[in-house]
């Protein structure tokens, strides 16, 4: 997407429109990081009610980004890419999410799974959710918060902080290219442990 035509940005800039009225991308990034960090801590200490469906995912995004963007909690309307990687076409986002969460419901939200099967299934959900990239901004943080709670519901903890960013990005790109979770399984396996009550 040509940033000059991006409806999410202030006209004539590459800075996302925001509730803080910040017009500089670097300044916005710092403010967003601080505000969303506070909201992330709040979510980590609580449970966001929902059915692990599209509405639930949107609620997570809204809770995390409501201080920064008026479109927090809304699916993106334009196509996005990162470097040479293009994510799901905006017109297919809702359908792909419905399909993903439908499969997740059939698998009982991964609750009955032993560790090895959970790691494979969780890596697939993570890979697909990242490939869909349903939001204009904040996909990674929303995915981690949402999937942390999903994992806890199934009896597991995910040490997201232990994942090296470059390795995570590489494994996600591999999933985008192949639709296979092998690299994500290798990445996530050391970070997944039984949840201590």
N, C-alpha and C. Protein backbone atom coordinates (compact mmCIF):
# COMPACT_ATOMS: atom_id res chain seq x y z
N UNK A 1 0.85 -1.18 0.00
CA UNK A 1 0.00 0.00 0.00
C UNK A 1 0.89 1.24 0.00
N UNK A 2 0.61 2.16 -0.87
CA UNK A 2 1.33 3.44 -0.91
C UNK A 2 0.90 4.23 0.31
N UNK A 3 1.88 4.58 1.17
CA UNK A 3 1.55 5.24 2.42
C UNK A 3 0.85 6.58 2.20
N UNK A 4 1.10 7.24 1.06
CA UNK A 4 0.42 8.51 0.78
C UNK A 4 -1.08 8.29 0.63
N UNK A 5 -1.47 7.08 0.27
CA UNK A 5 -2.88 6.77 0.06
C UNK A 5 -3.48 6.00 1.23
N UNK A 6 -2.70 5.78 2.27
CA UNK A 6 -3.15 4.98 3.40
C UNK A 6 -4.17 5.77 4.22
N UNK A 7 -5.42 5.32 4.24
CA UNK A 7 -6.45 6.06 4.98
C UNK A 7 -6.23 6.05 6.49
N UNK A 8 -5.33 5.19 6.96
CA UNK A 8 -5.03 5.14 8.39
C UNK A 8 -4.01 6.19 8.82
N UNK A 9 -3.39 6.84 7.85
CA UNK A 9 -2.34 7.83 8.16
C UNK A 9 -2.87 9.25 8.03
N UNK A 10 -2.20 10.15 8.77
CA UNK A 10 -2.48 11.57 8.57
C UNK A 10 -2.17 11.91 7.12
N UNK A 11 -2.98 12.72 6.46
CA UNK A 11 -2.73 13.06 5.05
C UNK A 11 -1.31 13.58 4.83
N UNK A 12 -0.67 13.03 3.80
CA UNK A 12 0.67 13.47 3.44
C UNK A 12 1.78 12.97 4.33
N UNK A 13 1.46 12.03 5.24
CA UNK A 13 2.49 11.50 6.14
C UNK A 13 2.44 9.97 6.16
N UNK A 14 3.42 9.38 6.82
CA UNK A 14 3.40 7.93 7.06
C UNK A 14 3.06 7.65 8.52
N UNK A 15 2.61 8.66 9.24
CA UNK A 15 2.25 8.52 10.65
C UNK A 15 0.77 8.15 10.78
N UNK A 16 0.49 7.08 11.51
CA UNK A 16 -0.88 6.64 11.70
C UNK A 16 -1.69 7.69 12.44
N UNK A 17 -2.93 7.91 11.98
CA UNK A 17 -3.85 8.80 12.70
C UNK A 17 -4.03 8.23 14.11
N UNK A 18 -4.04 9.12 15.09
CA UNK A 18 -4.12 8.64 16.46
C UNK A 18 -4.87 9.62 17.35
N UNK A 19 -5.35 9.11 18.46
CA UNK A 19 -6.13 9.90 19.40
C UNK A 19 -5.25 10.89 20.16
N UNK A 20 -3.94 10.71 20.10
CA UNK A 20 -3.01 11.58 20.82
C UNK A 20 -2.64 12.80 19.99
N UNK A 21 -3.11 12.82 18.74
CA UNK A 21 -2.82 13.91 17.79
C UNK A 21 -1.33 14.07 17.53
N UNK A 22 -0.60 12.97 17.60
CA UNK A 22 0.83 12.96 17.30
C UNK A 22 1.00 12.81 15.80
N UNK A 23 1.88 13.61 15.21
CA UNK A 23 2.07 13.59 13.75
C UNK A 23 3.43 13.04 13.35
N UNK A 24 4.23 12.60 14.32
CA UNK A 24 5.57 12.07 14.06
C UNK A 24 5.57 10.58 14.40
N UNK A 25 5.98 9.74 13.44
CA UNK A 25 5.92 8.29 13.62
C UNK A 25 6.75 7.80 14.79
N UNK A 26 7.94 8.37 14.97
CA UNK A 26 8.80 7.93 16.09
C UNK A 26 8.18 8.29 17.43
N UNK A 27 7.67 9.49 17.52
CA UNK A 27 7.04 9.93 18.76
C UNK A 27 5.80 9.08 19.05
N UNK A 28 5.04 8.77 18.00
CA UNK A 28 3.85 7.92 18.17
C UNK A 28 4.26 6.53 18.65
N UNK A 29 5.31 5.98 18.05
CA UNK A 29 5.77 4.66 18.43
C UNK A 29 6.11 4.59 19.92
N UNK A 30 6.78 5.61 20.42
CA UNK A 30 7.15 5.65 21.84
C UNK A 30 5.91 5.74 22.72
N UNK A 31 5.00 6.63 22.37
CA UNK A 31 3.78 6.80 23.17
C UNK A 31 2.92 5.53 23.13
N UNK A 32 2.79 4.96 21.94
CA UNK A 32 2.02 3.73 21.79
C UNK A 32 2.62 2.61 22.62
N UNK A 33 3.93 2.46 22.56
CA UNK A 33 4.63 1.41 23.31
C UNK A 33 4.33 1.54 24.81
N UNK A 34 4.37 2.76 25.31
CA UNK A 34 4.13 2.99 26.74
C UNK A 34 2.67 2.69 27.12
N UNK A 35 1.74 3.24 26.36
CA UNK A 35 0.32 3.05 26.68
C UNK A 35 -0.12 1.60 26.52
N UNK A 36 0.31 0.96 25.43
CA UNK A 36 -0.07 -0.43 25.19
C UNK A 36 0.63 -1.35 26.19
N UNK A 37 1.82 -0.97 26.63
CA UNK A 37 2.51 -1.74 27.67
C UNK A 37 1.71 -1.80 28.95
N UNK A 38 1.10 -0.68 29.32
CA UNK A 38 0.25 -0.64 30.52
C UNK A 38 -0.96 -1.54 30.34
N UNK A 39 -1.59 -1.43 29.18
CA UNK A 39 -2.77 -2.27 28.90
C UNK A 39 -2.41 -3.76 28.83
N UNK A 40 -1.23 -4.07 28.30
CA UNK A 40 -0.78 -5.47 28.24
C UNK A 40 -0.63 -6.03 29.64
N UNK A 41 -0.03 -5.26 30.54
CA UNK A 41 0.12 -5.70 31.93
C UNK A 41 -1.24 -5.95 32.56
N UNK A 42 -2.21 -5.09 32.27
CA UNK A 42 -3.56 -5.27 32.80
C UNK A 42 -4.18 -6.57 32.29
N UNK A 43 -4.02 -6.83 30.99
CA UNK A 43 -4.60 -8.04 30.41
C UNK A 43 -3.92 -9.31 30.93
N UNK A 44 -2.62 -9.22 31.17
CA UNK A 44 -1.88 -10.38 31.67
C UNK A 44 -2.36 -10.77 33.06
N UNK A 45 -2.82 -9.79 33.81
CA UNK A 45 -3.27 -10.03 35.19
C UNK A 45 -4.76 -10.34 35.28
N UNK A 46 -5.43 -10.45 34.14
CA UNK A 46 -6.87 -10.68 34.16
C UNK A 46 -7.26 -11.65 33.05
N UNK A 47 -8.55 -11.94 32.97
CA UNK A 47 -9.08 -12.77 31.90
C UNK A 47 -10.09 -11.94 31.12
N UNK A 48 -9.91 -11.90 29.80
CA UNK A 48 -10.85 -11.18 28.94
C UNK A 48 -11.94 -12.18 28.54
N UNK A 49 -13.19 -11.94 28.96
CA UNK A 49 -14.23 -12.90 28.63
C UNK A 49 -14.49 -12.98 27.13
N UNK A 50 -14.81 -14.17 26.68
CA UNK A 50 -15.10 -14.37 25.27
C UNK A 50 -15.03 -15.83 24.89
N UNK A 51 -15.31 -16.12 23.62
CA UNK A 51 -15.42 -17.50 23.14
C UNK A 51 -14.29 -17.88 22.19
N UNK A 52 -13.16 -17.19 22.25
CA UNK A 52 -12.03 -17.46 21.34
C UNK A 52 -12.50 -17.49 19.89
N UNK A 53 -13.19 -16.41 19.54
CA UNK A 53 -13.70 -16.22 18.19
C UNK A 53 -13.30 -14.83 17.72
N UNK A 54 -13.84 -14.39 16.58
CA UNK A 54 -13.47 -13.09 16.03
C UNK A 54 -13.79 -11.96 17.01
N UNK A 55 -14.99 -11.99 17.59
CA UNK A 55 -15.38 -10.93 18.52
C UNK A 55 -14.42 -10.87 19.71
N UNK A 56 -13.96 -12.01 20.16
CA UNK A 56 -13.03 -12.07 21.29
C UNK A 56 -11.68 -11.45 20.90
N UNK A 57 -11.18 -11.79 19.73
CA UNK A 57 -9.92 -11.22 19.25
C UNK A 57 -10.04 -9.70 19.11
N UNK A 58 -11.15 -9.24 18.56
CA UNK A 58 -11.37 -7.80 18.42
C UNK A 58 -11.39 -7.11 19.78
N UNK A 59 -11.96 -7.78 20.78
CA UNK A 59 -12.00 -7.22 22.13
C UNK A 59 -10.58 -7.02 22.67
N UNK A 60 -9.71 -8.00 22.43
CA UNK A 60 -8.32 -7.87 22.86
C UNK A 60 -7.66 -6.65 22.21
N UNK A 61 -7.83 -6.52 20.90
CA UNK A 61 -7.22 -5.39 20.19
C UNK A 61 -7.77 -4.07 20.72
N UNK A 62 -9.06 -4.02 20.95
CA UNK A 62 -9.70 -2.80 21.47
C UNK A 62 -9.13 -2.45 22.85
N UNK A 63 -9.03 -3.43 23.73
CA UNK A 63 -8.52 -3.17 25.08
C UNK A 63 -7.07 -2.70 25.06
N UNK A 64 -6.28 -3.25 24.15
CA UNK A 64 -4.86 -2.88 24.08
C UNK A 64 -4.63 -1.51 23.46
N UNK A 65 -5.39 -1.17 22.42
CA UNK A 65 -5.08 0.02 21.61
C UNK A 65 -6.10 1.14 21.72
N UNK A 66 -7.06 1.02 22.61
CA UNK A 66 -8.14 2.02 22.71
C UNK A 66 -7.64 3.41 23.08
N UNK A 67 -6.50 3.51 23.73
CA UNK A 67 -5.96 4.82 24.12
C UNK A 67 -5.26 5.53 22.96
N UNK A 68 -5.00 4.77 21.88
CA UNK A 68 -4.17 5.31 20.81
C UNK A 68 -4.92 5.50 19.49
N UNK A 69 -5.78 4.54 19.12
CA UNK A 69 -6.43 4.59 17.81
C UNK A 69 -7.94 4.50 17.92
N UNK A 70 -8.64 5.30 17.14
CA UNK A 70 -10.10 5.23 17.17
C UNK A 70 -10.61 3.97 16.45
N UNK A 71 -9.75 3.32 15.68
CA UNK A 71 -10.14 2.10 14.99
C UNK A 71 -9.69 0.84 15.75
N UNK A 72 -9.30 1.02 16.99
CA UNK A 72 -8.93 -0.15 17.82
C UNK A 72 -10.12 -1.10 17.90
N UNK A 73 -9.85 -2.38 17.70
CA UNK A 73 -10.91 -3.38 17.75
C UNK A 73 -11.66 -3.56 16.45
N UNK A 74 -11.11 -3.01 15.36
CA UNK A 74 -11.75 -3.16 14.04
C UNK A 74 -10.78 -3.85 13.08
N UNK A 75 -11.34 -4.72 12.24
CA UNK A 75 -10.52 -5.38 11.23
C UNK A 75 -10.04 -4.35 10.21
N UNK A 76 -8.85 -4.57 9.69
CA UNK A 76 -8.30 -3.62 8.70
C UNK A 76 -9.11 -3.66 7.41
N UNK A 77 -9.07 -2.54 6.70
CA UNK A 77 -9.83 -2.44 5.45
C UNK A 77 -8.91 -2.38 4.23
N UNK A 78 -7.61 -2.31 4.45
CA UNK A 78 -6.66 -2.25 3.34
C UNK A 78 -5.65 -3.38 3.42
N UNK A 79 -4.96 -3.62 2.32
CA UNK A 79 -3.93 -4.64 2.29
C UNK A 79 -2.64 -4.10 2.91
N UNK A 80 -1.91 -4.99 3.58
CA UNK A 80 -0.66 -4.59 4.22
C UNK A 80 0.42 -5.63 3.95
N UNK A 81 1.65 -5.17 4.07
CA UNK A 81 2.80 -6.05 3.89
C UNK A 81 3.90 -5.59 4.83
N UNK A 82 4.88 -6.48 5.01
CA UNK A 82 6.05 -6.16 5.82
C UNK A 82 7.25 -6.58 4.99
N UNK A 83 8.00 -5.58 4.50
CA UNK A 83 9.08 -5.91 3.58
C UNK A 83 8.49 -6.50 2.32
N UNK A 84 8.94 -7.70 1.97
CA UNK A 84 8.43 -8.37 0.77
C UNK A 84 7.30 -9.33 1.08
N UNK A 85 6.89 -9.37 2.36
CA UNK A 85 5.86 -10.31 2.79
C UNK A 85 4.50 -9.63 2.77
N UNK A 86 3.57 -10.19 2.01
CA UNK A 86 2.20 -9.68 1.99
C UNK A 86 1.32 -10.57 2.85
N UNK A 87 0.46 -9.93 3.63
CA UNK A 87 -0.45 -10.68 4.48
C UNK A 87 -1.77 -10.90 3.75
N UNK A 88 -2.67 -11.59 4.39
CA UNK A 88 -3.98 -11.93 3.82
C UNK A 88 -4.65 -10.71 3.20
N UNK A 89 -5.27 -10.89 2.04
CA UNK A 89 -6.03 -9.83 1.40
C UNK A 89 -7.12 -9.36 2.36
N UNK A 90 -7.28 -8.04 2.47
CA UNK A 90 -8.25 -7.46 3.42
C UNK A 90 -9.66 -8.01 3.21
N UNK A 91 -10.02 -8.31 1.98
CA UNK A 91 -11.36 -8.81 1.69
C UNK A 91 -11.58 -10.22 2.21
N UNK A 92 -10.50 -10.93 2.53
CA UNK A 92 -10.61 -12.31 3.01
C UNK A 92 -10.37 -12.45 4.51
N UNK A 93 -10.05 -11.35 5.21
CA UNK A 93 -9.67 -11.43 6.62
C UNK A 93 -10.78 -12.04 7.47
N UNK A 94 -11.99 -11.53 7.37
CA UNK A 94 -13.09 -12.02 8.21
C UNK A 94 -13.36 -13.51 7.96
N UNK A 95 -13.38 -13.90 6.69
CA UNK A 95 -13.63 -15.30 6.33
C UNK A 95 -12.53 -16.21 6.87
N UNK A 96 -11.27 -15.80 6.72
CA UNK A 96 -10.16 -16.62 7.21
C UNK A 96 -10.18 -16.73 8.73
N UNK A 97 -10.54 -15.65 9.41
CA UNK A 97 -10.63 -15.71 10.88
C UNK A 97 -11.75 -16.65 11.31
N UNK A 98 -12.90 -16.55 10.64
CA UNK A 98 -14.02 -17.45 10.97
C UNK A 98 -13.60 -18.91 10.79
N UNK A 99 -12.89 -19.18 9.71
CA UNK A 99 -12.43 -20.54 9.44
C UNK A 99 -11.44 -21.01 10.52
N UNK A 100 -10.49 -20.14 10.88
CA UNK A 100 -9.50 -20.48 11.91
C UNK A 100 -10.18 -20.77 13.25
N UNK A 101 -11.08 -19.87 13.66
CA UNK A 101 -11.71 -20.05 14.96
C UNK A 101 -12.73 -21.17 14.96
N UNK A 102 -13.32 -21.47 13.80
CA UNK A 102 -14.19 -22.64 13.69
C UNK A 102 -13.41 -23.92 13.93
N UNK A 103 -12.23 -24.01 13.33
CA UNK A 103 -11.36 -25.19 13.55
C UNK A 103 -10.92 -25.27 15.00
N UNK A 104 -10.63 -24.13 15.59
CA UNK A 104 -10.20 -24.09 16.99
C UNK A 104 -11.31 -24.60 17.91
N UNK A 105 -12.55 -24.22 17.62
CA UNK A 105 -13.70 -24.68 18.42
C UNK A 105 -13.88 -26.19 18.28
N UNK A 106 -13.73 -26.71 17.06
CA UNK A 106 -13.85 -28.15 16.84
C UNK A 106 -12.78 -28.90 17.65
N UNK A 107 -11.61 -28.28 17.79
CA UNK A 107 -10.51 -28.90 18.56
C UNK A 107 -10.61 -28.58 20.05
N UNK A 108 -11.78 -28.10 20.46
CA UNK A 108 -12.07 -27.79 21.87
C UNK A 108 -11.04 -26.82 22.45
N UNK A 109 -10.63 -25.87 21.62
CA UNK A 109 -9.70 -24.80 22.04
C UNK A 109 -8.40 -25.37 22.61
N UNK A 110 -8.02 -26.54 22.09
CA UNK A 110 -6.76 -27.22 22.40
C UNK A 110 -6.68 -27.73 23.84
N UNK A 111 -7.82 -27.74 24.54
CA UNK A 111 -7.83 -28.14 25.95
C UNK A 111 -7.39 -29.58 26.20
N UNK A 112 -7.83 -30.56 25.42
CA UNK A 112 -7.51 -31.93 25.83
C UNK A 112 -6.11 -32.42 25.41
N UNK A 113 -5.28 -31.55 24.88
CA UNK A 113 -4.05 -32.01 24.24
C UNK A 113 -2.87 -32.16 25.20
N UNK A 114 -2.09 -33.20 24.94
CA UNK A 114 -0.82 -33.36 25.63
C UNK A 114 0.18 -32.38 25.03
N UNK A 115 1.34 -32.21 25.70
CA UNK A 115 2.30 -31.18 25.31
C UNK A 115 2.68 -31.21 23.84
N UNK A 116 3.10 -32.35 23.32
CA UNK A 116 3.59 -32.39 21.94
C UNK A 116 2.50 -32.02 20.95
N UNK A 117 1.29 -32.53 21.17
CA UNK A 117 0.18 -32.19 20.27
C UNK A 117 -0.25 -30.74 20.44
N UNK A 118 -0.18 -30.24 21.68
CA UNK A 118 -0.52 -28.84 21.91
C UNK A 118 0.45 -27.93 21.17
N UNK A 119 1.73 -28.22 21.25
CA UNK A 119 2.74 -27.37 20.60
C UNK A 119 2.47 -27.29 19.09
N UNK A 120 2.19 -28.41 18.47
CA UNK A 120 1.92 -28.44 17.02
C UNK A 120 0.66 -27.63 16.70
N UNK A 121 -0.41 -27.88 17.44
CA UNK A 121 -1.67 -27.18 17.18
C UNK A 121 -1.54 -25.68 17.46
N UNK A 122 -0.88 -25.33 18.55
CA UNK A 122 -0.70 -23.93 18.92
C UNK A 122 0.14 -23.20 17.88
N UNK A 123 1.20 -23.84 17.40
CA UNK A 123 2.05 -23.24 16.37
C UNK A 123 1.24 -22.98 15.10
N UNK A 124 0.35 -23.89 14.76
CA UNK A 124 -0.49 -23.72 13.57
C UNK A 124 -1.45 -22.54 13.73
N UNK A 125 -2.06 -22.43 14.91
CA UNK A 125 -2.97 -21.31 15.17
C UNK A 125 -2.20 -20.00 15.11
N UNK A 126 -1.04 -19.97 15.74
CA UNK A 126 -0.22 -18.75 15.74
C UNK A 126 0.19 -18.38 14.31
N UNK A 127 0.65 -19.36 13.55
CA UNK A 127 1.08 -19.11 12.18
C UNK A 127 -0.04 -18.57 11.31
N UNK A 128 -1.22 -19.17 11.45
CA UNK A 128 -2.36 -18.74 10.63
C UNK A 128 -2.86 -17.36 11.04
N UNK A 129 -2.93 -17.11 12.35
CA UNK A 129 -3.37 -15.80 12.83
C UNK A 129 -2.41 -14.71 12.36
N UNK A 130 -1.13 -15.00 12.41
CA UNK A 130 -0.14 -14.03 11.94
C UNK A 130 -0.24 -13.83 10.42
N UNK A 131 -0.48 -14.90 9.67
CA UNK A 131 -0.62 -14.79 8.22
C UNK A 131 -1.84 -13.94 7.84
N UNK A 132 -2.89 -14.03 8.64
CA UNK A 132 -4.09 -13.22 8.38
C UNK A 132 -3.82 -11.76 8.71
N UNK A 133 -3.11 -11.50 9.80
CA UNK A 133 -2.74 -10.13 10.20
C UNK A 133 -3.97 -9.21 10.12
N UNK A 134 -4.94 -9.43 11.00
CA UNK A 134 -6.24 -8.77 10.83
C UNK A 134 -6.31 -7.28 11.11
N UNK A 135 -5.26 -6.71 11.71
CA UNK A 135 -5.32 -5.30 12.10
C UNK A 135 -4.30 -4.46 11.34
N UNK A 136 -4.59 -3.19 11.21
CA UNK A 136 -3.65 -2.28 10.53
C UNK A 136 -2.36 -2.14 11.33
N UNK A 137 -2.47 -2.18 12.64
CA UNK A 137 -1.31 -2.07 13.53
C UNK A 137 -1.63 -2.87 14.79
N UNK A 138 -0.60 -3.43 15.40
CA UNK A 138 -0.78 -4.10 16.68
C UNK A 138 -1.09 -5.58 16.60
N UNK A 139 -0.78 -6.21 15.47
CA UNK A 139 -1.08 -7.63 15.32
C UNK A 139 -0.30 -8.50 16.29
N UNK A 140 1.01 -8.30 16.36
CA UNK A 140 1.83 -9.14 17.23
C UNK A 140 1.43 -9.06 18.68
N UNK A 141 1.24 -7.85 19.18
CA UNK A 141 0.88 -7.69 20.59
C UNK A 141 -0.50 -8.27 20.89
N UNK A 142 -1.42 -8.10 19.95
CA UNK A 142 -2.76 -8.67 20.14
C UNK A 142 -2.71 -10.19 20.09
N UNK A 143 -1.96 -10.73 19.14
CA UNK A 143 -1.82 -12.19 19.04
C UNK A 143 -1.25 -12.77 20.34
N UNK A 144 -0.19 -12.14 20.84
CA UNK A 144 0.45 -12.68 22.05
C UNK A 144 -0.50 -12.65 23.25
N UNK A 145 -1.24 -11.55 23.42
CA UNK A 145 -2.17 -11.45 24.54
C UNK A 145 -3.30 -12.47 24.40
N UNK A 146 -3.87 -12.57 23.21
CA UNK A 146 -4.97 -13.49 22.94
C UNK A 146 -4.51 -14.94 23.11
N UNK A 147 -3.36 -15.27 22.52
CA UNK A 147 -2.88 -16.64 22.57
C UNK A 147 -2.33 -17.02 23.95
N UNK A 148 -1.84 -16.05 24.71
CA UNK A 148 -1.43 -16.32 26.09
C UNK A 148 -2.64 -16.82 26.88
N UNK A 149 -3.78 -16.13 26.70
CA UNK A 149 -4.98 -16.53 27.42
C UNK A 149 -5.52 -17.86 26.91
N UNK A 150 -5.50 -18.07 25.59
CA UNK A 150 -5.93 -19.35 25.03
C UNK A 150 -5.10 -20.50 25.60
N UNK A 151 -3.78 -20.30 25.64
CA UNK A 151 -2.89 -21.33 26.18
C UNK A 151 -3.19 -21.59 27.65
N UNK A 152 -3.38 -20.54 28.43
CA UNK A 152 -3.68 -20.69 29.85
C UNK A 152 -4.98 -21.47 30.03
N UNK A 153 -5.97 -21.18 29.19
CA UNK A 153 -7.25 -21.88 29.23
C UNK A 153 -7.05 -23.38 28.99
N UNK A 154 -6.06 -23.70 28.16
CA UNK A 154 -5.78 -25.11 27.83
C UNK A 154 -4.76 -25.73 28.80
N UNK A 155 -4.28 -24.94 29.77
CA UNK A 155 -3.38 -25.49 30.79
C UNK A 155 -1.90 -25.27 30.55
N UNK A 156 -1.54 -24.29 29.70
CA UNK A 156 -0.14 -24.07 29.35
C UNK A 156 0.24 -22.60 29.52
N UNK A 157 1.52 -22.36 29.70
CA UNK A 157 2.03 -21.00 29.69
C UNK A 157 2.96 -20.84 28.49
N UNK A 158 2.99 -19.63 27.95
CA UNK A 158 3.86 -19.31 26.82
C UNK A 158 4.81 -18.20 27.27
N UNK A 159 6.09 -18.47 27.24
CA UNK A 159 7.10 -17.47 27.62
C UNK A 159 7.46 -16.65 26.38
N UNK A 160 6.54 -15.77 25.97
CA UNK A 160 6.75 -14.97 24.76
C UNK A 160 8.07 -14.20 24.84
N UNK A 161 8.38 -13.72 26.03
CA UNK A 161 9.59 -12.89 26.20
C UNK A 161 10.87 -13.67 25.88
N UNK A 162 10.80 -14.98 25.87
CA UNK A 162 12.00 -15.78 25.58
C UNK A 162 12.25 -15.93 24.08
N UNK A 163 11.29 -15.53 23.25
CA UNK A 163 11.46 -15.68 21.81
C UNK A 163 12.27 -14.51 21.25
N UNK A 164 13.31 -14.84 20.52
CA UNK A 164 14.13 -13.81 19.88
C UNK A 164 13.36 -13.28 18.66
N UNK A 165 13.28 -11.97 18.56
CA UNK A 165 12.41 -11.36 17.53
C UNK A 165 12.77 -11.80 16.11
N UNK A 166 14.05 -11.82 15.79
CA UNK A 166 14.45 -12.18 14.43
C UNK A 166 14.05 -13.63 14.11
N UNK A 167 14.24 -14.51 15.08
CA UNK A 167 13.85 -15.92 14.88
C UNK A 167 12.34 -16.05 14.73
N UNK A 168 11.61 -15.28 15.53
CA UNK A 168 10.15 -15.30 15.44
C UNK A 168 9.69 -14.82 14.07
N UNK A 169 10.25 -13.69 13.62
CA UNK A 169 9.88 -13.15 12.30
C UNK A 169 10.19 -14.15 11.19
N UNK A 170 11.35 -14.79 11.29
CA UNK A 170 11.76 -15.77 10.27
C UNK A 170 10.80 -16.96 10.24
N UNK A 171 10.43 -17.45 11.42
CA UNK A 171 9.52 -18.60 11.49
C UNK A 171 8.13 -18.22 10.95
N UNK A 172 7.69 -17.00 11.24
CA UNK A 172 6.39 -16.54 10.73
C UNK A 172 6.42 -16.39 9.21
N UNK A 173 7.55 -15.88 8.68
CA UNK A 173 7.68 -15.77 7.22
C UNK A 173 7.65 -17.14 6.56
N UNK A 174 8.29 -18.10 7.21
CA UNK A 174 8.30 -19.47 6.68
C UNK A 174 6.88 -20.03 6.63
N UNK A 175 6.09 -19.76 7.67
CA UNK A 175 4.70 -20.22 7.66
C UNK A 175 3.92 -19.53 6.53
N UNK A 176 4.13 -18.24 6.35
CA UNK A 176 3.46 -17.51 5.28
C UNK A 176 3.78 -18.12 3.92
N UNK A 177 5.03 -18.51 3.75
CA UNK A 177 5.49 -19.05 2.47
C UNK A 177 4.96 -20.46 2.22
N UNK A 178 4.90 -21.28 3.27
CA UNK A 178 4.61 -22.71 3.10
C UNK A 178 3.28 -23.18 3.69
N UNK A 179 2.70 -22.40 4.61
CA UNK A 179 1.52 -22.80 5.40
C UNK A 179 1.81 -24.03 6.25
N UNK A 180 3.07 -24.23 6.57
CA UNK A 180 3.47 -25.35 7.43
C UNK A 180 4.12 -24.79 8.69
N UNK A 181 3.79 -25.37 9.86
CA UNK A 181 4.25 -24.78 11.12
C UNK A 181 5.60 -25.28 11.64
N UNK A 182 6.37 -26.00 10.84
CA UNK A 182 7.60 -26.64 11.35
C UNK A 182 8.53 -25.66 12.06
N UNK A 183 8.82 -24.53 11.43
CA UNK A 183 9.74 -23.56 12.04
C UNK A 183 9.13 -22.97 13.31
N UNK A 184 7.83 -22.74 13.30
CA UNK A 184 7.17 -22.21 14.49
C UNK A 184 7.15 -23.23 15.62
N UNK A 185 7.01 -24.50 15.29
CA UNK A 185 7.06 -25.55 16.32
C UNK A 185 8.42 -25.54 17.00
N UNK A 186 9.49 -25.48 16.20
CA UNK A 186 10.84 -25.44 16.78
C UNK A 186 11.04 -24.20 17.64
N UNK A 187 10.49 -23.09 17.19
CA UNK A 187 10.63 -21.83 17.92
C UNK A 187 9.86 -21.86 19.24
N UNK A 188 8.62 -22.33 19.20
CA UNK A 188 7.73 -22.25 20.36
C UNK A 188 7.94 -23.34 21.39
N UNK A 189 8.38 -24.52 20.96
CA UNK A 189 8.46 -25.66 21.88
C UNK A 189 9.19 -25.33 23.20
N UNK A 190 10.36 -24.67 23.17
CA UNK A 190 11.04 -24.38 24.43
C UNK A 190 10.31 -23.36 25.31
N UNK A 191 9.36 -22.62 24.72
CA UNK A 191 8.67 -21.55 25.45
C UNK A 191 7.34 -22.01 26.06
N UNK A 192 6.95 -23.25 25.82
CA UNK A 192 5.64 -23.74 26.28
C UNK A 192 5.84 -24.73 27.42
N UNK A 193 5.20 -24.42 28.53
CA UNK A 193 5.31 -25.28 29.73
C UNK A 193 3.93 -25.42 30.37
N UNK A 194 3.75 -26.47 31.18
CA UNK A 194 2.47 -26.62 31.89
C UNK A 194 2.21 -25.43 32.80
N UNK A 195 0.99 -25.03 32.87
CA UNK A 195 0.61 -23.91 33.73
C UNK A 195 0.53 -24.40 35.17
N UNK A 196 1.16 -23.64 36.07
CA UNK A 196 1.11 -23.97 37.49
C UNK A 196 -0.10 -23.28 38.10
N UNK A 197 -0.93 -24.04 38.76
CA UNK A 197 -2.14 -23.45 39.37
C UNK A 197 -1.77 -22.67 40.61
